[in-house]
Amino acid sequence: MKISCFTRYGPLNSKPIFGSLIKSMQDAGDTVLIDKDDNCDVAMIWSVLWQGRMAHYRPIWENYQAKNKPVIVVEVGCVLFNAQLYLLLSKASG
């Protein structure tokens, strides 16, 4: 699978998490592009909270949704402080 991982606009604490996810995908045999869209099968972004630096993820989300392609959304929750990592997969229905 060819995956576009958009790391540039994640919060400052996102770098090690993105790094681990990218390594895991590469170890699984996926082709991972960093901050590039080259007609990939799926995109990975940090959040759908369109605020601050993460507002730049909205056009990426909209682009992939318009193409009916999935977007992996990484969110770190605080149910147990920094103990849970959520990956949400969204596919436009149509």
PDB file of N, CA and C in Angstrom:
ATOM      1  N   MET A   1       0.841  -1.167   0.000  1.00  0.00           N
ATOM      2  CA  MET A   1       0.000   0.000   0.000  1.00  0.00           C
ATOM      3  C   MET A   1       0.893   1.239   0.000  1.00  0.00           C
ATOM      4  N   LYS A   2       0.443   2.271  -0.664  1.00  0.00           N
ATOM      5  CA  LYS A   2       1.182   3.531  -0.732  1.00  0.00           C
ATOM      6  C   LYS A   2       0.476   4.547   0.178  1.00  0.00           C
ATOM      7  N   ILE A   3       1.207   5.044   1.182  1.00  0.00           N
ATOM      8  CA  ILE A   3       0.625   5.894   2.217  1.00  0.00           C
ATOM      9  C   ILE A   3       1.331   7.242   2.254  1.00  0.00           C
ATOM     10  N   SER A   4       0.545   8.316   2.249  1.00  0.00           N
ATOM     11  CA  SER A   4       1.080   9.669   2.451  1.00  0.00           C
ATOM     12  C   SER A   4       0.926  10.007   3.925  1.00  0.00           C
ATOM     13  N   CYS A   5       2.027  10.198   4.606  1.00  0.00           N
ATOM     14  CA  CYS A   5       2.004  10.547   6.026  1.00  0.00           C
ATOM     15  C   CYS A   5       2.377  12.021   6.156  1.00  0.00           C
ATOM     16  N   PHE A   6       1.413  12.818   6.572  1.00  0.00           N
ATOM     17  CA  PHE A   6       1.621  14.256   6.675  1.00  0.00           C
ATOM     18  C   PHE A   6       1.970  14.603   8.122  1.00  0.00           C
ATOM     19  N   THR A   7       3.251  14.854   8.366  1.00  0.00           N
ATOM     20  CA  THR A   7       3.757  15.083   9.718  1.00  0.00           C
ATOM     21  C   THR A   7       3.998  16.553  10.033  1.00  0.00           C
ATOM     22  N   ARG A   8       4.109  17.366   9.026  1.00  0.00           N
ATOM     23  CA  ARG A   8       4.566  18.751   9.177  1.00  0.00           C
ATOM     24  C   ARG A   8       3.723  19.580  10.145  1.00  0.00           C
ATOM     25  N   TYR A   9       2.426  19.342  10.179  1.00  0.00           N
ATOM     26  CA  TYR A   9       1.539  20.218  10.957  1.00  0.00           C
ATOM     27  C   TYR A   9       1.050  19.603  12.259  1.00  0.00           C
ATOM     28  N   GLY A  10       1.636  18.483  12.648  1.00  0.00           N
ATOM     29  CA  GLY A  10       1.249  17.873  13.919  1.00  0.00           C
ATOM     30  C   GLY A  10       1.766  18.685  15.089  1.00  0.00           C
ATOM     31  N   PRO A  11       1.209  18.464  16.277  1.00  0.00           N
ATOM     32  CA  PRO A  11       1.715  19.161  17.445  1.00  0.00           C
ATOM     33  C   PRO A  11       3.175  18.779  17.707  1.00  0.00           C
ATOM     34  N   LEU A  12       3.838  19.564  18.499  1.00  0.00           N
ATOM     35  CA  LEU A  12       5.266  19.353  18.724  1.00  0.00           C
ATOM     36  C   LEU A  12       5.579  17.983  19.314  1.00  0.00           C
ATOM     37  N   ASN A  13       4.645  17.416  20.060  1.00  0.00           N
ATOM     38  CA  ASN A  13       4.890  16.099  20.666  1.00  0.00           C
ATOM     39  C   ASN A  13       4.547  14.945  19.726  1.00  0.00           C
ATOM     40  N   SER A  14       4.199  15.227  18.480  1.00  0.00           N
ATOM     41  CA  SER A  14       3.774  14.170  17.556  1.00  0.00           C
ATOM     42  C   SER A  14       4.938  13.443  16.883  1.00  0.00           C
ATOM     43  N   LYS A  15       6.119  14.033  16.885  1.00  0.00           N
ATOM     44  CA  LYS A  15       7.241  13.453  16.133  1.00  0.00           C
ATOM     45  C   LYS A  15       7.561  12.000  16.512  1.00  0.00           C
ATOM     46  N   PRO A  16       7.693  11.662  17.794  1.00  0.00           N
ATOM     47  CA  PRO A  16       8.015  10.258  18.101  1.00  0.00           C
ATOM     48  C   PRO A  16       6.879   9.297  17.759  1.00  0.00           C
ATOM     49  N   ILE A  17       5.652   9.747  17.861  1.00  0.00           N
ATOM     50  CA  ILE A  17       4.515   8.880  17.534  1.00  0.00           C
ATOM     51  C   ILE A  17       4.460   8.648  16.034  1.00  0.00           C
ATOM     52  N   PHE A  18       4.572   9.733  15.251  1.00  0.00           N
ATOM     53  CA  PHE A  18       4.623   9.571  13.798  1.00  0.00           C
ATOM     54  C   PHE A  18       5.791   8.663  13.412  1.00  0.00           C
ATOM     55  N   GLY A  19       6.936   8.865  14.032  1.00  0.00           N
ATOM     56  CA  GLY A  19       8.108   8.051  13.713  1.00  0.00           C
ATOM     57  C   GLY A  19       7.851   6.568  13.927  1.00  0.00           C
ATOM     58  N   SER A  20       7.216   6.230  15.043  1.00  0.00           N
ATOM     59  CA  SER A  20       6.899   4.825  15.331  1.00  0.00           C
ATOM     60  C   SER A  20       5.892   4.258  14.344  1.00  0.00           C
ATOM     61  N   LEU A  21       4.872   5.051  14.017  1.00  0.00           N
ATOM     62  CA  LEU A  21       3.864   4.583  13.060  1.00  0.00           C
ATOM     63  C   LEU A  21       4.464   4.382  11.673  1.00  0.00           C
ATOM     64  N   ILE A  22       5.297   5.306  11.244  1.00  0.00           N
ATOM     65  CA  ILE A  22       5.943   5.199   9.931  1.00  0.00           C
ATOM     66  C   ILE A  22       6.830   3.963   9.878  1.00  0.00           C
ATOM     67  N   LYS A  23       7.624   3.757  10.916  1.00  0.00           N
ATOM     68  CA  LYS A  23       8.490   2.570  10.955  1.00  0.00           C
ATOM     69  C   LYS A  23       7.663   1.295  10.898  1.00  0.00           C
ATOM     70  N   SER A  24       6.570   1.250  11.623  1.00  0.00           N
ATOM     71  CA  SER A  24       5.703   0.073  11.632  1.00  0.00           C
ATOM     72  C   SER A  24       5.125  -0.202  10.247  1.00  0.00           C
ATOM     73  N   MET A  25       4.681   0.863   9.561  1.00  0.00           N
ATOM     74  CA  MET A  25       4.116   0.686   8.223  1.00  0.00           C
ATOM     75  C   MET A  25       5.190   0.218   7.231  1.00  0.00           C
ATOM     76  N   GLN A  26       6.382   0.802   7.334  1.00  0.00           N
ATOM     77  CA  GLN A  26       7.475   0.391   6.450  1.00  0.00           C
ATOM     78  C   GLN A  26       7.884  -1.058   6.725  1.00  0.00           C
ATOM     79  N   ASP A  27       7.940  -1.436   8.002  1.00  0.00           N
ATOM     80  CA  ASP A  27       8.282  -2.814   8.361  1.00  0.00           C
ATOM     81  C   ASP A  27       7.251  -3.802   7.815  1.00  0.00           C
ATOM     82  N   ALA A  28       6.000  -3.333   7.656  1.00  0.00           N
ATOM     83  CA  ALA A  28       4.939  -4.182   7.114  1.00  0.00           C
ATOM     84  C   ALA A  28       4.986  -4.245   5.590  1.00  0.00           C
ATOM     85  N   GLY A  29       5.910  -3.493   4.978  1.00  0.00           N
ATOM     86  CA  GLY A  29       6.066  -3.534   3.537  1.00  0.00           C
ATOM     87  C   GLY A  29       5.358  -2.427   2.780  1.00  0.00           C
ATOM     88  N   ASP A  30       4.766  -1.479   3.505  1.00  0.00           N
ATOM     89  CA  ASP A  30       4.088  -0.359   2.848  1.00  0.00           C
ATOM     90  C   ASP A  30       5.098   0.678   2.379  1.00  0.00           C
ATOM     91  N   THR A  31       4.762   1.373   1.303  1.00  0.00           N
ATOM     92  CA  THR A  31       5.540   2.510   0.832  1.00  0.00           C
ATOM     93  C   THR A  31       4.986   3.747   1.520  1.00  0.00           C
ATOM     94  N   VAL A  32       5.828   4.467   2.246  1.00  0.00           N
ATOM     95  CA  VAL A  32       5.383   5.633   3.010  1.00  0.00           C
ATOM     96  C   VAL A  32       6.089   6.876   2.495  1.00  0.00           C
ATOM     97  N   LEU A  33       5.313   7.843   2.069  1.00  0.00           N
ATOM     98  CA  LEU A  33       5.842   9.145   1.663  1.00  0.00           C
ATOM     99  C   LEU A  33       5.592  10.129   2.794  1.00  0.00           C
ATOM    100  N   ILE A  34       6.564  10.983   3.063  1.00  0.00           N
ATOM    101  CA  ILE A  34       6.453  11.950   4.144  1.00  0.00           C
ATOM    102  C   ILE A  34       6.139  13.321   3.555  1.00  0.00           C
ATOM    103  N   ASP A  35       5.005  13.886   3.980  1.00  0.00           N
ATOM    104  CA  ASP A  35       4.572  15.225   3.569  1.00  0.00           C
ATOM    105  C   ASP A  35       4.512  15.397   2.051  1.00  0.00           C
ATOM    106  N   LYS A  36       4.139  14.331   1.351  1.00  0.00           N
ATOM    107  CA  LYS A  36       3.980  14.362  -0.105  1.00  0.00           C
ATOM    108  C   LYS A  36       2.711  13.608  -0.465  1.00  0.00           C
ATOM    109  N   ASP A  37       2.075  14.051  -1.525  1.00  0.00           N
ATOM    110  CA  ASP A  37       0.943  13.313  -2.066  1.00  0.00           C
ATOM    111  C   ASP A  37       1.298  12.925  -3.490  1.00  0.00           C
ATOM    112  N   ASP A  38       1.501  11.657  -3.706  1.00  0.00           N
ATOM    113  CA  ASP A  38       1.854  11.163  -5.027  1.00  0.00           C
ATOM    114  C   ASP A  38       0.834  10.095  -5.431  1.00  0.00           C
ATOM    115  N   ASN A  39      -0.444  10.512  -5.440  1.00  0.00           N
ATOM    116  CA  ASN A  39      -1.539   9.603  -5.769  1.00  0.00           C
ATOM    117  C   ASN A  39      -1.510   8.364  -4.872  1.00  0.00           C
ATOM    118  N   CYS A  40      -1.395   8.588  -3.580  1.00  0.00           N
ATOM    119  CA  CYS A  40      -1.328   7.492  -2.617  1.00  0.00           C
ATOM    120  C   CYS A  40      -2.702   6.875  -2.386  1.00  0.00           C
ATOM    121  N   ASP A  41      -2.681   5.686  -1.800  1.00  0.00           N
ATOM    122  CA  ASP A  41      -3.923   4.967  -1.501  1.00  0.00           C
ATOM    123  C   ASP A  41      -4.625   5.522  -0.276  1.00  0.00           C
ATOM    124  N   VAL A  42      -3.847   6.037   0.652  1.00  0.00           N
ATOM    125  CA  VAL A  42      -4.395   6.505   1.929  1.00  0.00           C
ATOM    126  C   VAL A  42      -3.506   7.626   2.464  1.00  0.00           C
ATOM    127  N   ALA A  43      -4.098   8.532   3.230  1.00  0.00           N
ATOM    128  CA  ALA A  43      -3.339   9.598   3.889  1.00  0.00           C
ATOM    129  C   ALA A  43      -3.380   9.379   5.393  1.00  0.00           C
ATOM    130  N   MET A  44      -2.359   9.883   6.083  1.00  0.00           N
ATOM    131  CA  MET A  44      -2.357   9.863   7.541  1.00  0.00           C
ATOM    132  C   MET A  44      -2.088  11.283   8.022  1.00  0.00           C
ATOM    133  N   ILE A  45      -2.987  11.781   8.877  1.00  0.00           N
ATOM    134  CA  ILE A  45      -2.856  13.121   9.454  1.00  0.00           C
ATOM    135  C   ILE A  45      -2.976  13.007  10.964  1.00  0.00           C
ATOM    136  N   TRP A  46      -2.684  14.108  11.661  1.00  0.00           N
ATOM    137  CA  TRP A  46      -2.720  14.059  13.119  1.00  0.00           C
ATOM    138  C   TRP A  46      -4.102  14.253  13.703  1.00  0.00           C
ATOM    139  N   SER A  47      -4.887  15.165  13.217  1.00  0.00           N
ATOM    140  CA  SER A  47      -6.132  15.483  13.904  1.00  0.00           C
ATOM    141  C   SER A  47      -7.140  16.077  12.942  1.00  0.00           C
ATOM    142  N   VAL A  48      -8.394  16.069  13.349  1.00  0.00           N
ATOM    143  CA  VAL A  48      -9.435  16.774  12.609  1.00  0.00           C
ATOM    144  C   VAL A  48      -9.916  17.984  13.403  1.00  0.00           C
ATOM    145  N   LEU A  49      -9.101  18.444  14.318  1.00  0.00           N
ATOM    146  CA  LEU A  49      -9.356  19.705  15.019  1.00  0.00           C
ATOM    147  C   LEU A  49      -8.685  20.782  14.185  1.00  0.00           C
ATOM    148  N   TRP A  50      -9.448  21.490  13.407  1.00  0.00           N
ATOM    149  CA  TRP A  50      -8.894  22.436  12.432  1.00  0.00           C
ATOM    150  C   TRP A  50      -8.497  23.741  13.114  1.00  0.00           C
ATOM    151  N   GLN A  51      -7.634  23.681  14.111  1.00  0.00           N
ATOM    152  CA  GLN A  51      -7.192  24.856  14.861  1.00  0.00           C
ATOM    153  C   GLN A  51      -5.671  24.951  14.814  1.00  0.00           C
ATOM    154  N   GLY A  52      -5.169  26.189  14.870  1.00  0.00           N
ATOM    155  CA  GLY A  52      -3.726  26.408  14.946  1.00  0.00           C
ATOM    156  C   GLY A  52      -2.984  25.746  13.802  1.00  0.00           C
ATOM    157  N   ARG A  53      -1.841  25.173  14.099  1.00  0.00           N
ATOM    158  CA  ARG A  53      -1.017  24.555  13.058  1.00  0.00           C
ATOM    159  C   ARG A  53      -1.717  23.362  12.408  1.00  0.00           C
ATOM    160  N   MET A  54      -2.647  22.724  13.126  1.00  0.00           N
ATOM    161  CA  MET A  54      -3.348  21.564  12.573  1.00  0.00           C
ATOM    162  C   MET A  54      -4.428  21.959  11.571  1.00  0.00           C
ATOM    163  N   ALA A  55      -4.729  23.243  11.444  1.00  0.00           N
ATOM    164  CA  ALA A  55      -5.694  23.703  10.439  1.00  0.00           C
ATOM    165  C   ALA A  55      -5.232  23.356   9.031  1.00  0.00           C
ATOM    166  N   HIS A  56      -3.937  23.189   8.852  1.00  0.00           N
ATOM    167  CA  HIS A  56      -3.394  22.836   7.539  1.00  0.00           C
ATOM    168  C   HIS A  56      -3.758  21.416   7.109  1.00  0.00           C
ATOM    169  N   TYR A  57      -4.253  20.613   8.044  1.00  0.00           N
ATOM    170  CA  TYR A  57      -4.676  19.260   7.698  1.00  0.00           C
ATOM    171  C   TYR A  57      -6.023  19.236   6.979  1.00  0.00           C
ATOM    172  N   ARG A  58      -6.809  20.288   7.120  1.00  0.00           N
ATOM    173  CA  ARG A  58      -8.146  20.294   6.521  1.00  0.00           C
ATOM    174  C   ARG A  58      -8.119  20.111   4.993  1.00  0.00           C
ATOM    175  N   PRO A  59      -7.268  20.838   4.252  1.00  0.00           N
ATOM    176  CA  PRO A  59      -7.239  20.620   2.791  1.00  0.00           C
ATOM    177  C   PRO A  59      -6.822  19.194   2.418  1.00  0.00           C
ATOM    178  N   ILE A  60      -5.946  18.594   3.204  1.00  0.00           N
ATOM    179  CA  ILE A  60      -5.536  17.211   2.943  1.00  0.00           C
ATOM    180  C   ILE A  60      -6.735  16.290   3.135  1.00  0.00           C
ATOM    181  N   TRP A  61      -7.433  16.475   4.251  1.00  0.00           N
ATOM    182  CA  TRP A  61      -8.654  15.699   4.540  1.00  0.00           C
ATOM    183  C   TRP A  61      -9.655  15.844   3.399  1.00  0.00           C
ATOM    184  N   GLU A  62      -9.937  17.077   2.999  1.00  0.00           N
ATOM    185  CA  GLU A  62     -10.937  17.341   1.957  1.00  0.00           C
ATOM    186  C   GLU A  62     -10.505  16.752   0.612  1.00  0.00           C
ATOM    187  N   ASN A  63      -9.227  16.834   0.288  1.00  0.00           N
ATOM    188  CA  ASN A  63      -8.711  16.273  -0.956  1.00  0.00           C
ATOM    189  C   ASN A  63      -8.930  14.764  -1.013  1.00  0.00           C
ATOM    190  N   TYR A  64      -8.584  14.068   0.045  1.00  0.00           N
ATOM    191  CA  TYR A  64      -8.741  12.611   0.060  1.00  0.00           C
ATOM    192  C   TYR A  64     -10.208  12.205   0.117  1.00  0.00           C
ATOM    193  N   GLN A  65     -11.023  12.946   0.857  1.00  0.00           N
ATOM    194  CA  GLN A  65     -12.446  12.639   0.904  1.00  0.00           C
ATOM    195  C   GLN A  65     -13.086  12.828  -0.471  1.00  0.00           C
ATOM    196  N   ALA A  66     -12.670  13.870  -1.198  1.00  0.00           N
ATOM    197  CA  ALA A  66     -13.201  14.123  -2.542  1.00  0.00           C
ATOM    198  C   ALA A  66     -12.837  12.986  -3.506  1.00  0.00           C
ATOM    199  N   LYS A  67     -11.710  12.336  -3.247  1.00  0.00           N
ATOM    200  CA  LYS A  67     -11.274  11.209  -4.086  1.00  0.00           C
ATOM    201  C   LYS A  67     -11.812   9.875  -3.580  1.00  0.00           C
ATOM    202  N   ASN A  68     -12.629   9.937  -2.508  1.00  0.00           N
ATOM    203  CA  ASN A  68     -13.183   8.737  -1.880  1.00  0.00           C
ATOM    204  C   ASN A  68     -12.075   7.788  -1.402  1.00  0.00           C
ATOM    205  N   LYS A  69     -11.000   8.395  -0.861  1.00  0.00           N
ATOM    206  CA  LYS A  69      -9.882   7.625  -0.325  1.00  0.00           C
ATOM    207  C   LYS A  69      -9.856   7.775   1.192  1.00  0.00           C
ATOM    208  N   PRO A  70      -9.414   6.743   1.900  1.00  0.00           N
ATOM    209  CA  PRO A  70      -9.400   6.802   3.357  1.00  0.00           C
ATOM    210  C   PRO A  70      -8.318   7.723   3.909  1.00  0.00           C
ATOM    211  N   VAL A  71      -8.596   8.218   5.109  1.00  0.00           N
ATOM    212  CA  VAL A  71      -7.651   9.054   5.855  1.00  0.00           C
ATOM    213  C   VAL A  71      -7.502   8.448   7.244  1.00  0.00           C
ATOM    214  N   ILE A  72      -6.286   8.144   7.628  1.00  0.00           N
ATOM    215  CA  ILE A  72      -6.004   7.693   8.995  1.00  0.00           C
ATOM    216  C   ILE A  72      -5.801   8.951   9.825  1.00  0.00           C
ATOM    217  N   VAL A  73      -6.553   9.068  10.904  1.00  0.00           N
ATOM    218  CA  VAL A  73      -6.449  10.224  11.788  1.00  0.00           C
ATOM    219  C   VAL A  73      -5.862   9.753  13.111  1.00  0.00           C
ATOM    220  N   VAL A  74      -4.720  10.303  13.465  1.00  0.00           N
ATOM    221  CA  VAL A  74      -4.064   9.948  14.720  1.00  0.00           C
ATOM    222  C   VAL A  74      -4.505  10.950  15.787  1.00  0.00           C
ATOM    223  N   GLU A  75      -4.985  10.441  16.886  1.00  0.00           N
ATOM    224  CA  GLU A  75      -5.374  11.272  18.031  1.00  0.00           C
ATOM    225  C   GLU A  75      -4.807  10.623  19.288  1.00  0.00           C
ATOM    226  N   VAL A  76      -4.264  11.416  20.167  1.00  0.00           N
ATOM    227  CA  VAL A  76      -3.819  10.905  21.458  1.00  0.00           C
ATOM    228  C   VAL A  76      -4.782  11.442  22.490  1.00  0.00           C
ATOM    229  N   GLY A  77      -5.436  10.532  23.204  1.00  0.00           N
ATOM    230  CA  GLY A  77      -6.436  10.942  24.188  1.00  0.00           C
ATOM    231  C   GLY A  77      -5.867  10.983  25.588  1.00  0.00           C
ATOM    232  N   CYS A  78      -6.632  11.562  26.463  1.00  0.00           N
ATOM    233  CA  CYS A  78      -6.188  11.709  27.853  1.00  0.00           C
ATOM    234  C   CYS A  78      -7.144  11.052  28.828  1.00  0.00           C
ATOM    235  N   VAL A  79      -7.774   9.944  28.428  1.00  0.00           N
ATOM    236  CA  VAL A  79      -8.584   9.202  29.379  1.00  0.00           C
ATOM    237  C   VAL A  79      -7.670   8.753  30.519  1.00  0.00           C
ATOM    238  N   LEU A  80      -6.547   8.171  30.135  1.00  0.00           N
ATOM    239  CA  LEU A  80      -5.439   7.912  31.048  1.00  0.00           C
ATOM    240  C   LEU A  80      -4.287   8.700  30.451  1.00  0.00           C
ATOM    241  N   PHE A  81      -3.798   9.681  31.112  1.00  0.00           N
ATOM    242  CA  PHE A  81      -2.869  10.654  30.549  1.00  0.00           C
ATOM    243  C   PHE A  81      -1.809   9.998  29.673  1.00  0.00           C
ATOM    244  N   ASN A  82      -1.869  10.297  28.388  1.00  0.00           N
ATOM    245  CA  ASN A  82      -0.932   9.803  27.377  1.00  0.00           C
ATOM    246  C   ASN A  82      -0.777   8.285  27.373  1.00  0.00           C
ATOM    247  N   ALA A  83      -1.794   7.570  27.811  1.00  0.00           N
ATOM    248  CA  ALA A  83      -1.691   6.121  27.861  1.00  0.00           C
ATOM    249  C   ALA A  83      -2.431   5.448  26.710  1.00  0.00           C
ATOM    250  N   GLN A  84      -3.218   6.203  25.974  1.00  0.00           N
ATOM    251  CA  GLN A  84      -3.984   5.591  24.899  1.00  0.00           C
ATOM    252  C   GLN A  84      -3.718   6.313  23.596  1.00  0.00           C
ATOM    253  N   LEU A  85      -3.559   5.549  22.558  1.00  0.00           N
ATOM    254  CA  LEU A  85      -3.354   6.084  21.216  1.00  0.00           C
ATOM    255  C   LEU A  85      -4.520   5.601  20.365  1.00  0.00           C
ATOM    256  N   TYR A  86      -5.192   6.536  19.750  1.00  0.00           N
ATOM    257  CA  TYR A  86      -6.342   6.203  18.922  1.00  0.00           C
ATOM    258  C   TYR A  86      -6.005   6.416  17.460  1.00  0.00           C
ATOM    259  N   LEU A  87      -6.294   5.456  16.640  1.00  0.00           N
ATOM    260  CA  LEU A  87      -6.198   5.600  15.194  1.00  0.00           C
ATOM    261  C   LEU A  87      -7.596   5.444  14.645  1.00  0.00           C
ATOM    262  N   LEU A  88      -8.052   6.437  13.952  1.00  0.00           N
ATOM    263  CA  LEU A  88      -9.384   6.395  13.367  1.00  0.00           C
ATOM    264  C   LEU A  88      -9.228   6.324  11.864  1.00  0.00           C
ATOM    265  N   LEU A  89      -9.973   5.459  11.242  1.00  0.00           N
ATOM    266  CA  LEU A  89      -9.936   5.337   9.796  1.00  0.00           C
ATOM    267  C   LEU A  89     -11.266   5.815   9.246  1.00  0.00           C
ATOM    268  N   SER A  90     -11.198   6.812   8.386  1.00  0.00           N
ATOM    269  CA  SER A  90     -12.411   7.385   7.820  1.00  0.00           C
ATOM    270  C   SER A  90     -12.424   7.155   6.326  1.00  0.00           C
ATOM    271  N   LYS A  91     -13.524   6.671   5.825  1.00  0.00           N
ATOM    272  CA  LYS A  91     -13.684   6.503   4.388  1.00  0.00           C
ATOM    273  C   LYS A  91     -14.989   7.183   4.005  1.00  0.00           C
ATOM    274  N   ALA A  92     -14.903   8.050   3.024  1.00  0.00           N
ATOM    275  CA  ALA A  92     -16.111   8.738   2.573  1.00  0.00           C
ATOM    276  C   ALA A  92     -17.084   7.708   2.038  1.00  0.00           C
ATOM    277  N   SER A  93     -18.300   7.806   2.471  1.00  0.00           N
ATOM    278  CA  SER A  93     -19.315   6.888   1.948  1.00  0.00           C
ATOM    279  C   SER A  93     -19.991   7.548   0.765  1.00  0.00           C
ATOM    280  N   GLY A  94     -20.322   6.787  -0.180  1.00  0.00           N
ATOM    281  CA  GLY A  94     -20.925   7.393  -1.342  1.00  0.00           C
ATOM    282  C   GLY A  94     -21.425   6.421  -2.250  1.00  0.00           C
TER     283      GLY A  94
END
